Amino acid sequence: MAKSKANSKAGRTTNERTVQPDDPALAVTVAGLHLRNPTMLASGILGISQDIFARLYRAGAGAIVSKSISIEPIEGYRNPTIVSLGSNSYLNAVGLANPGAEAFSKEIAPSRGIPIIVSLVGSSDKEFPPMVQKFDALGNVIGYEVNLSCPHVAKMGMEVGDDPEMVSRIVKAIKAGTRKPVIIKVGIGAADVVKIAKVAKESGADAITAINTIRAMTINIETGMPVLSNRIGGLSGAAIKPAAVRCVYEISKAGIPVIGCGGITTWEDAVEFILAGASAVQIGSAIGNRWIDVFAEIGAGIKKYLERKGMKNVMEISGLAHKY
C-alpha cells in the first residue's frame, strides 16, 4: 500500500486539505495490511463516493471500508431508514442499498493513494468471485471485508453468516480469486460468534471484523407504529460497545486476528478494543455527532496514551487484557 506524504502542516485543518502525517507510534499491521494508524471507516457510513473517501483519508483515517456492495444494484428500503436513539446510538434499516459492483468499480477506480477495503455482500458463494474480479485489478483496493451479518436483510445477512458451511464456501470462493486479504464481518446472531470466526479463519480468512449491528427495533408510543419502515433494523453506536468488546476479546483469545467495531466514539473506546485484542478499529456512528474530525482526535488520544504508558507503538497494547 502506498503511504501518504506528510503535509508541511501537521494535524487536521478546518478546510480538510491537510493529509494526516504518518506516525510510527500508530502504524499497525492487520491481515497482512500495513496501515498508517489503526482507525478505519466502518462499512455503511459515507461509503460510496471517492470524493468523501479522499476527505476521510485527509482527515486521518488509516483505511476506508466501503458500503457493502452486491453483484447487482439494490434499491434498499423506503424511508424512514434511520433513527437516532440518543447517546450516540442509532437504529437503521437501509436495506443494503448500493449501486452494484459494476458502477462502484468505476466510481472508485480514480481513487489512487487512498487505501480502500471493499465490503462485499451476497446470498451465495457464486456471487462473490465476479465482484472480486472487478475490484482486484484496482490498485487502491487493498482487501475485502465480507458482510455476512446484516441483521435486517433476508438471505443476505445473518441467515448466511449463521451457517458455518455457507461461510466456509464463501470464504474459499473469494480466496480462490484473490491474493488480497479477506476479512469476514461477523455479528451476534443465532450461531456462536467465535465458532463462526473459527470456521472463517480455517477456510482461509485473514481476519475478522467484530461486530456488525445488532437486530433491534423501536416503536412510537403515540402512533403504536414501528418507527422504521422495515420495522426491524440494526442497532449501532455506544449501545452495543460492551457486546462488541466481549466478542473482540473472545475472538482474539482464540488466536484469530480481529478488527474492533461497534460504539467507538472516543480514543478511550479505541484503546479498550485494542486492549481486548483488536489490531485496528472501525468508526461509524461517531461520525454522526463529531463528523470526520473524529479520526484525528482518536489518533491523537491513542498517541498520548502510549506516551503516558511508555509504549513506542500501539501494537504493544493489543491483547494486554488477556494477561489478567
Protein backbone atom coordinates (compact mmCIF):
# COMPACT_ATOMS: atom_id res chain seq x y z
CA MET A 1 0.00 0.00 0.00
CA ALA A 2 1.37 3.36 -0.95
CA LYS A 3 1.77 5.57 2.08
CA SER A 4 0.69 9.20 2.04
CA LYS A 5 3.24 12.01 2.10
CA ALA A 6 3.04 14.17 5.18
CA ASN A 7 1.92 17.72 4.53
CA SER A 8 4.07 20.53 5.93
CA LYS A 9 1.20 21.45 8.20
CA ALA A 10 0.76 18.71 10.78
CA GLY A 11 -2.61 17.77 12.21
CA ARG A 12 -6.12 18.43 10.98
CA THR A 13 -7.39 21.64 9.46
CA THR A 14 -10.88 23.00 9.07
CA ASN A 15 -10.64 23.04 5.26
CA GLU A 16 -9.87 19.29 5.19
CA ARG A 17 -6.90 19.77 2.84
CA THR A 18 -4.17 18.51 5.13
CA VAL A 19 -3.20 14.86 4.92
CA GLN A 20 -2.65 13.50 8.41
CA PRO A 21 1.07 12.76 8.80
CA ASP A 22 2.31 9.23 9.26
CA ASP A 23 3.30 8.44 12.84
CA PRO A 24 5.36 5.31 13.58
CA ALA A 25 3.73 5.05 17.00
CA LEU A 26 0.33 4.50 15.40
CA ALA A 27 1.30 2.24 12.48
CA VAL A 28 -0.34 -1.20 12.59
CA THR A 29 -0.42 -4.43 10.63
CA VAL A 30 -3.64 -6.42 10.38
CA ALA A 31 -4.49 -9.22 7.95
CA GLY A 32 -1.20 -8.50 6.23
CA LEU A 33 -2.16 -4.87 5.64
CA HIS A 34 0.21 -2.15 6.81
CA LEU A 35 -1.81 0.90 7.85
CA ARG A 36 -0.53 4.30 8.99
CA ASN A 37 -2.84 4.17 12.03
CA PRO A 38 -5.45 1.80 13.49
CA THR A 39 -8.56 3.84 12.64
CA MET A 40 -10.77 2.77 9.74
CA LEU A 41 -14.08 3.99 8.37
CA ALA A 42 -16.72 1.37 9.18
CA SER A 43 -18.79 -0.01 6.33
CA GLY A 44 -22.16 1.62 5.78
CA ILE A 45 -21.09 5.15 6.73
CA LEU A 46 -20.26 7.60 3.90
CA GLY A 47 -19.06 4.63 1.90
CA ILE A 48 -19.85 5.00 -1.82
CA SER A 49 -18.16 8.19 -3.04
CA GLN A 50 -14.50 8.57 -3.96
CA ASP A 51 -14.71 12.26 -3.06
CA ILE A 52 -15.69 11.53 0.52
CA PHE A 53 -13.06 8.76 0.65
CA ALA A 54 -10.38 11.35 -0.11
CA ARG A 55 -11.72 13.70 2.57
CA LEU A 56 -11.78 10.92 5.14
CA TYR A 57 -8.21 9.94 4.37
CA ARG A 58 -7.02 13.52 4.59
CA ALA A 59 -8.86 13.80 7.90
CA GLY A 60 -6.84 10.95 9.38
CA ALA A 61 -8.47 7.59 8.66
CA GLY A 62 -5.95 4.78 8.27
CA ALA A 63 -8.13 2.99 5.71
CA ILE A 64 -11.62 3.22 4.21
CA VAL A 65 -14.15 0.37 4.25
CA SER A 66 -16.81 0.91 1.61
CA LYS A 67 -20.52 0.43 1.94
CA SER A 68 -21.49 -3.19 1.28
CA ILE A 69 -21.61 -3.81 -2.47
CA SER A 70 -23.68 -6.53 -4.15
CA ILE A 71 -23.29 -8.00 -7.61
CA GLU A 72 -26.41 -6.17 -8.82
CA PRO A 73 -27.76 -2.79 -7.61
CA ILE A 74 -30.08 -2.84 -4.59
CA GLU A 75 -32.60 -0.05 -4.08
CA GLY A 76 -33.00 -0.63 -0.36
CA TYR A 77 -35.93 0.18 1.90
CA ARG A 78 -38.13 3.25 1.80
CA ASN A 79 -37.80 5.95 4.44
CA PRO A 80 -37.57 6.20 7.36
CA THR A 81 -34.41 4.09 7.33
CA ILE A 82 -32.53 5.51 10.31
CA VAL A 83 -33.43 6.94 13.70
CA SER A 84 -31.25 8.40 16.44
CA LEU A 85 -31.76 6.85 19.86
CA GLY A 86 -29.63 9.41 21.68
CA SER A 87 -26.30 8.87 23.44
CA ASN A 88 -24.60 8.28 20.08
CA SER A 89 -26.69 5.23 19.27
CA TYR A 90 -28.70 4.62 16.11
CA LEU A 91 -31.16 2.16 14.63
CA ASN A 92 -31.06 1.71 10.88
CA ALA A 93 -32.57 -0.43 8.14
CA VAL A 94 -31.25 0.95 4.87
CA GLY A 95 -31.64 -2.42 3.18
CA LEU A 96 -28.10 -2.70 1.79
CA ALA A 97 -28.86 -0.03 -0.82
CA ASN A 98 -25.91 0.24 -3.22
CA PRO A 99 -25.16 0.86 -6.91
CA GLY A 100 -23.86 -2.63 -7.64
CA ALA A 101 -20.35 -3.89 -8.33
CA GLU A 102 -20.05 -2.60 -11.91
CA ALA A 103 -20.94 1.00 -11.09
CA PHE A 104 -18.97 1.07 -7.86
CA SER A 105 -15.81 -0.28 -9.50
CA LYS A 106 -15.95 2.67 -11.91
CA GLU A 107 -16.61 5.11 -9.06
CA ILE A 108 -13.50 4.19 -7.10
CA ALA A 109 -11.12 3.49 -9.99
CA PRO A 110 -9.57 7.00 -9.85
CA SER A 111 -9.05 6.93 -6.06
CA ARG A 112 -5.30 6.36 -6.20
CA GLY A 113 -3.35 6.59 -2.99
CA ILE A 114 -6.42 6.00 -0.81
CA PRO A 115 -6.43 2.53 0.80
CA ILE A 116 -9.90 1.10 0.22
CA ILE A 117 -11.28 -2.15 1.59
CA VAL A 118 -14.33 -3.09 -0.44
CA SER A 119 -17.19 -4.56 1.58
CA LEU A 120 -18.96 -7.34 -0.33
CA VAL A 121 -22.38 -8.84 0.31
CA GLY A 122 -24.21 -11.70 -1.38
CA SER A 123 -26.60 -14.58 -0.88
CA SER A 124 -24.41 -17.39 -2.21
CA ASP A 125 -20.78 -18.27 -2.82
CA LYS A 126 -21.29 -17.87 -6.58
CA GLU A 127 -21.96 -14.12 -6.33
CA PHE A 128 -18.61 -13.16 -4.82
CA PRO A 129 -15.97 -14.24 -7.40
CA PRO A 130 -17.34 -11.99 -10.20
CA MET A 131 -17.24 -9.00 -7.84
CA VAL A 132 -13.70 -9.76 -6.73
CA GLN A 133 -12.67 -9.98 -10.37
CA LYS A 134 -13.97 -6.45 -10.98
CA PHE A 135 -12.22 -4.92 -7.99
CA ASP A 136 -9.00 -6.91 -7.82
CA ALA A 137 -7.24 -5.05 -10.62
CA LEU A 138 -7.78 -1.68 -8.92
CA GLY A 139 -4.55 -0.70 -7.22
CA ASN A 140 -6.27 1.27 -4.48
CA VAL A 141 -8.30 -1.76 -3.34
CA ILE A 142 -6.15 -3.32 -0.63
CA GLY A 143 -8.56 -6.02 0.53
CA TYR A 144 -12.11 -7.17 1.06
CA GLU A 145 -14.47 -7.20 4.02
CA VAL A 146 -17.28 -9.70 3.57
CA ASN A 147 -20.55 -8.72 5.20
CA LEU A 148 -22.12 -11.95 6.43
CA SER A 149 -24.02 -10.40 9.31
CA CYS A 150 -26.52 -7.74 8.23
CA PRO A 151 -29.37 -8.20 10.75
CA HIS A 152 -32.28 -6.93 8.63
CA VAL A 153 -31.99 -8.20 5.03
CA ALA A 154 -33.30 -11.70 4.26
CA LYS A 155 -30.96 -14.20 2.57
CA MET A 156 -28.03 -11.77 2.55
CA GLY A 157 -27.20 -11.31 6.21
CA MET A 158 -27.35 -13.37 9.37
CA GLU A 159 -29.05 -16.26 7.54
CA VAL A 160 -25.79 -16.61 5.62
CA GLY A 161 -23.44 -15.74 8.48
CA ASP A 162 -25.08 -18.19 10.89
CA ASP A 163 -24.50 -21.12 8.50
CA PRO A 164 -20.94 -22.45 9.03
CA GLU A 165 -20.99 -24.43 5.77
CA MET A 166 -22.05 -21.37 3.77
CA VAL A 167 -19.45 -19.20 5.49
CA SER A 168 -16.76 -21.71 4.58
CA ARG A 169 -17.86 -21.92 0.93
CA ILE A 170 -17.95 -18.13 0.56
CA VAL A 171 -14.51 -17.62 2.10
CA LYS A 172 -12.96 -20.32 -0.07
CA ALA A 173 -14.64 -18.95 -3.22
CA ILE A 174 -13.28 -15.46 -2.59
CA LYS A 175 -9.79 -16.61 -1.60
CA ALA A 176 -9.56 -18.67 -4.79
CA GLY A 177 -9.83 -15.48 -6.84
CA THR A 178 -7.57 -13.05 -4.99
CA ARG A 179 -4.30 -12.73 -3.15
CA LYS A 180 -5.56 -9.70 -1.28
CA PRO A 181 -6.63 -10.06 2.37
CA VAL A 182 -10.17 -11.24 3.07
CA ILE A 183 -11.81 -10.07 6.29
CA ILE A 184 -15.11 -11.54 7.48
CA LYS A 185 -17.52 -9.28 9.34
CA VAL A 186 -19.46 -11.20 11.98
CA GLY A 187 -22.40 -10.29 14.15
CA ILE A 188 -24.40 -11.59 17.07
CA GLY A 189 -26.92 -14.00 15.59
CA ALA A 190 -28.18 -17.49 16.33
CA ALA A 191 -24.75 -19.08 15.92
CA ASP A 192 -21.84 -18.61 18.31
CA VAL A 193 -19.74 -15.73 17.04
CA VAL A 194 -16.44 -17.37 17.99
CA LYS A 195 -17.42 -20.60 16.22
CA ILE A 196 -18.21 -18.69 13.02
CA ALA A 197 -14.93 -16.77 13.32
CA LYS A 198 -13.03 -20.04 13.65
CA VAL A 199 -14.77 -21.51 10.59
CA ALA A 200 -13.92 -18.40 8.58
CA LYS A 201 -10.27 -18.49 9.67
CA GLU A 202 -9.93 -22.21 8.97
CA SER A 203 -11.40 -21.63 5.49
CA GLY A 204 -8.76 -19.02 4.68
CA ALA A 205 -10.00 -15.70 6.06
CA ASP A 206 -7.18 -13.37 7.08
CA ALA A 207 -9.04 -11.58 9.90
CA ILE A 208 -12.44 -10.94 11.46
CA THR A 209 -14.32 -7.67 11.96
CA ALA A 210 -16.46 -7.76 15.10
CA ILE A 211 -19.19 -6.78 15.29
CA ASN A 212 -21.97 -5.76 12.93
CA THR A 213 -25.12 -4.02 14.13
CA ILE A 214 -27.49 -5.98 16.38
CA ARG A 215 -31.05 -6.86 15.36
CA ALA A 216 -33.40 -4.45 17.16
CA MET A 217 -36.45 -2.22 16.81
CA THR A 218 -38.18 0.84 18.28
CA ILE A 219 -41.88 1.76 18.39
CA ASN A 220 -43.56 5.17 18.51
CA ILE A 221 -45.76 5.01 21.60
CA GLU A 222 -48.21 7.67 20.29
CA THR A 223 -48.98 6.01 16.96
CA GLY A 224 -48.22 2.48 18.06
CA MET A 225 -46.22 2.01 14.85
CA PRO A 226 -42.66 0.75 14.44
CA VAL A 227 -40.52 3.75 13.55
CA LEU A 228 -38.51 2.17 10.75
CA SER A 229 -40.29 1.31 7.52
CA ASN A 230 -38.77 -2.18 7.68
CA ARG A 231 -39.81 -2.44 11.35
CA ILE A 232 -36.65 -4.35 12.28
CA GLY A 233 -33.26 -2.69 11.98
CA GLY A 234 -29.69 -2.83 13.20
CA LEU A 235 -28.64 -1.19 16.46
CA SER A 236 -25.29 0.60 16.29
CA GLY A 237 -23.22 3.02 18.32
CA ALA A 238 -22.49 3.27 22.02
CA ALA A 239 -25.35 0.94 22.99
CA ILE A 240 -23.56 -2.11 21.55
CA LYS A 241 -20.00 -1.35 22.66
CA PRO A 242 -19.82 -3.75 25.65
CA ALA A 243 -21.11 -6.62 23.49
CA ALA A 244 -18.61 -5.75 20.76
CA VAL A 245 -15.69 -5.61 23.21
CA ARG A 246 -16.68 -9.04 24.53
CA CYS A 247 -16.72 -10.51 21.01
CA VAL A 248 -13.35 -8.99 20.14
CA TYR A 249 -11.88 -10.34 23.38
CA GLU A 250 -13.15 -13.89 22.78
CA ILE A 251 -12.20 -13.99 19.08
CA SER A 252 -8.74 -12.65 19.83
CA LYS A 253 -8.30 -15.14 22.65
CA ALA A 254 -8.99 -17.88 20.10
CA GLY A 255 -5.90 -16.70 18.23
CA ILE A 256 -7.71 -15.00 15.35
CA PRO A 257 -6.71 -11.52 14.11
CA VAL A 258 -9.60 -9.13 14.73
CA ILE A 259 -10.70 -5.60 13.92
CA GLY A 260 -12.94 -3.99 16.52
CA CYS A 261 -16.19 -2.28 15.54
CA GLY A 262 -19.21 -1.11 17.48
CA GLY A 263 -19.63 2.05 19.53
CA ILE A 264 -16.16 3.56 19.19
CA THR A 265 -16.66 7.26 19.89
CA THR A 266 -13.55 8.33 21.81
CA TRP A 267 -9.89 7.38 21.98
CA GLU A 268 -10.67 5.61 25.25
CA ASP A 269 -13.13 3.36 23.39
CA ALA A 270 -10.49 2.59 20.76
CA VAL A 271 -7.91 1.72 23.40
CA GLU A 272 -10.41 -0.57 25.14
CA PHE A 273 -10.96 -2.53 21.92
CA ILE A 274 -7.21 -2.77 21.30
CA LEU A 275 -6.59 -3.99 24.85
CA ALA A 276 -9.26 -6.63 24.19
CA GLY A 277 -7.21 -7.87 21.25
CA ALA A 278 -8.07 -5.72 18.23
CA SER A 279 -5.29 -4.75 15.85
CA ALA A 280 -7.37 -1.92 14.37
CA VAL A 281 -10.75 -0.30 14.97
CA GLN A 282 -13.59 0.91 12.78
CA ILE A 283 -15.51 4.11 13.38
CA GLY A 284 -19.04 4.70 12.13
CA SER A 285 -21.82 6.11 14.29
CA ALA A 286 -19.48 8.63 15.94
CA ILE A 287 -19.28 10.49 12.63
CA GLY A 288 -22.95 11.42 13.08
CA ASN A 289 -22.10 13.64 16.06
CA ARG A 290 -18.44 14.54 15.56
CA TRP A 291 -18.03 14.39 11.79
CA ILE A 292 -14.74 13.27 10.27
CA ASP A 293 -12.61 15.11 12.84
CA VAL A 294 -13.13 12.02 14.98
CA PHE A 295 -10.34 10.11 13.21
CA ALA A 296 -7.62 12.64 14.05
CA GLU A 297 -8.98 13.10 17.58
CA ILE A 298 -8.91 9.37 18.31
CA GLY A 299 -5.45 9.00 16.79
CA ALA A 300 -4.11 11.86 18.92
CA GLY A 301 -5.67 10.39 22.05
CA ILE A 302 -4.12 6.98 21.43
CA LYS A 303 -0.72 8.61 20.85
CA LYS A 304 -0.87 10.46 24.19
CA TYR A 305 -1.98 7.28 25.95
CA LEU A 306 1.01 5.39 24.54
CA GLU A 307 3.38 8.13 25.66
CA ARG A 308 1.90 8.08 29.16
CA LYS A 309 2.31 4.30 29.31
CA GLY A 310 5.85 4.35 27.93
CA MET A 311 4.89 2.43 24.80
CA LYS A 312 6.52 3.03 21.41
CA ASN A 313 3.81 1.52 19.20
CA VAL A 314 0.10 0.83 19.51
CA MET A 315 0.57 -2.87 18.69
CA GLU A 316 2.29 -3.24 22.09
CA ILE A 317 -1.04 -2.87 23.87
CA SER A 318 -3.06 -5.18 21.62
CA GLY A 319 -4.50 -8.01 23.70
CA LEU A 320 -2.99 -6.90 27.01
CA ALA A 321 -6.30 -7.64 28.73
CA HIS A 322 -5.70 -11.36 28.13
CA LYS A 323 -2.98 -11.31 30.76
CA TYR A 324 -5.46 -10.83 33.57
